[in-house]
């Protein structure tokens, strides 16, 4: 199965939901799925070499950056 996991940031160093997405990506990959991560930033601990990574351009940190990310996804 091919999956894309989209989150503004991915990795345990960013917070709870971001860490959960990182753990979910690893678990899905270990079960045989092809996982692509789509984010503005991915923590080095996630193991980028194991996943395809689609980078979403960053904007200044404010409410508009969240709306921009949502519109891009």
Protein backbone atom coordinates (compact mmCIF):
# COMPACT_ATOMS: atom_id res chain seq x y z
CA UNK A 1 0.00 0.00 0.00
CA UNK A 2 1.26 3.51 -0.78
CA UNK A 3 0.58 6.21 1.82
CA UNK A 4 1.36 9.89 2.30
CA UNK A 5 1.50 11.21 5.86
CA UNK A 6 1.13 14.99 5.94
CA UNK A 7 1.94 17.12 8.97
CA UNK A 8 3.50 20.57 9.25
CA UNK A 9 6.46 19.06 11.14
CA UNK A 10 7.29 15.38 11.75
CA UNK A 11 9.39 14.01 14.61
CA UNK A 12 9.41 13.47 18.35
CA UNK A 13 11.39 16.65 19.02
CA UNK A 14 8.47 18.76 17.75
CA UNK A 15 5.73 17.43 20.01
CA UNK A 16 3.12 14.75 20.65
CA UNK A 17 1.20 14.55 17.37
CA UNK A 18 4.37 15.06 15.36
CA UNK A 19 6.06 12.21 17.24
CA UNK A 20 3.03 9.98 16.73
CA UNK A 21 3.18 10.53 12.95
CA UNK A 22 6.87 9.57 12.98
CA UNK A 23 6.17 6.35 14.91
CA UNK A 24 3.21 5.59 12.63
CA UNK A 25 5.39 6.03 9.54
CA UNK A 26 7.96 3.55 10.87
CA UNK A 27 5.30 1.01 11.85
CA UNK A 28 3.56 1.22 8.47
CA UNK A 29 6.89 0.87 6.65
CA UNK A 30 7.78 -2.17 8.78
CA UNK A 31 4.45 -3.76 7.77
CA UNK A 32 5.34 -3.40 4.09
CA UNK A 33 3.72 -0.10 3.09
CA UNK A 34 5.49 2.55 1.02
CA UNK A 35 5.33 5.71 3.13
CA UNK A 36 5.93 9.25 1.86
CA UNK A 37 6.32 12.07 4.38
CA UNK A 38 5.00 15.52 3.43
CA UNK A 39 6.07 18.32 5.78
CA UNK A 40 7.91 21.59 6.20
CA UNK A 41 10.42 19.95 8.55
CA UNK A 42 11.35 16.39 9.50
CA UNK A 43 13.38 15.58 12.60
CA UNK A 44 16.74 13.92 11.91
CA UNK A 45 15.72 11.02 14.17
CA UNK A 46 12.97 9.94 11.78
CA UNK A 47 15.46 8.43 9.34
CA UNK A 48 14.82 10.34 6.14
CA UNK A 49 16.76 7.80 4.11
CA UNK A 50 14.02 5.23 4.79
CA UNK A 51 11.22 7.45 3.44
CA UNK A 52 10.47 9.58 0.42
CA UNK A 53 10.22 13.17 1.62
CA UNK A 54 8.13 15.89 -0.04
CA UNK A 55 9.08 19.27 1.37
CA UNK A 56 6.37 21.91 1.70
CA UNK A 57 7.75 25.47 1.52
CA UNK A 58 7.88 27.37 4.82
CA UNK A 59 6.26 30.72 5.52
CA UNK A 60 6.75 33.07 8.49
CA UNK A 61 5.36 31.57 11.71
CA UNK A 62 1.85 32.87 12.23
CA UNK A 63 -1.73 31.83 11.51
CA UNK A 64 -1.15 32.34 7.80
CA UNK A 65 1.60 29.71 7.77
CA UNK A 66 -0.84 27.11 9.10
CA UNK A 67 -3.43 28.12 6.50
CA UNK A 68 -0.80 28.03 3.77
CA UNK A 69 0.24 24.51 4.79
CA UNK A 70 -3.39 23.36 4.86
CA UNK A 71 -3.97 24.81 1.41
CA UNK A 72 -0.86 23.11 0.03
CA UNK A 73 -1.87 19.70 1.32
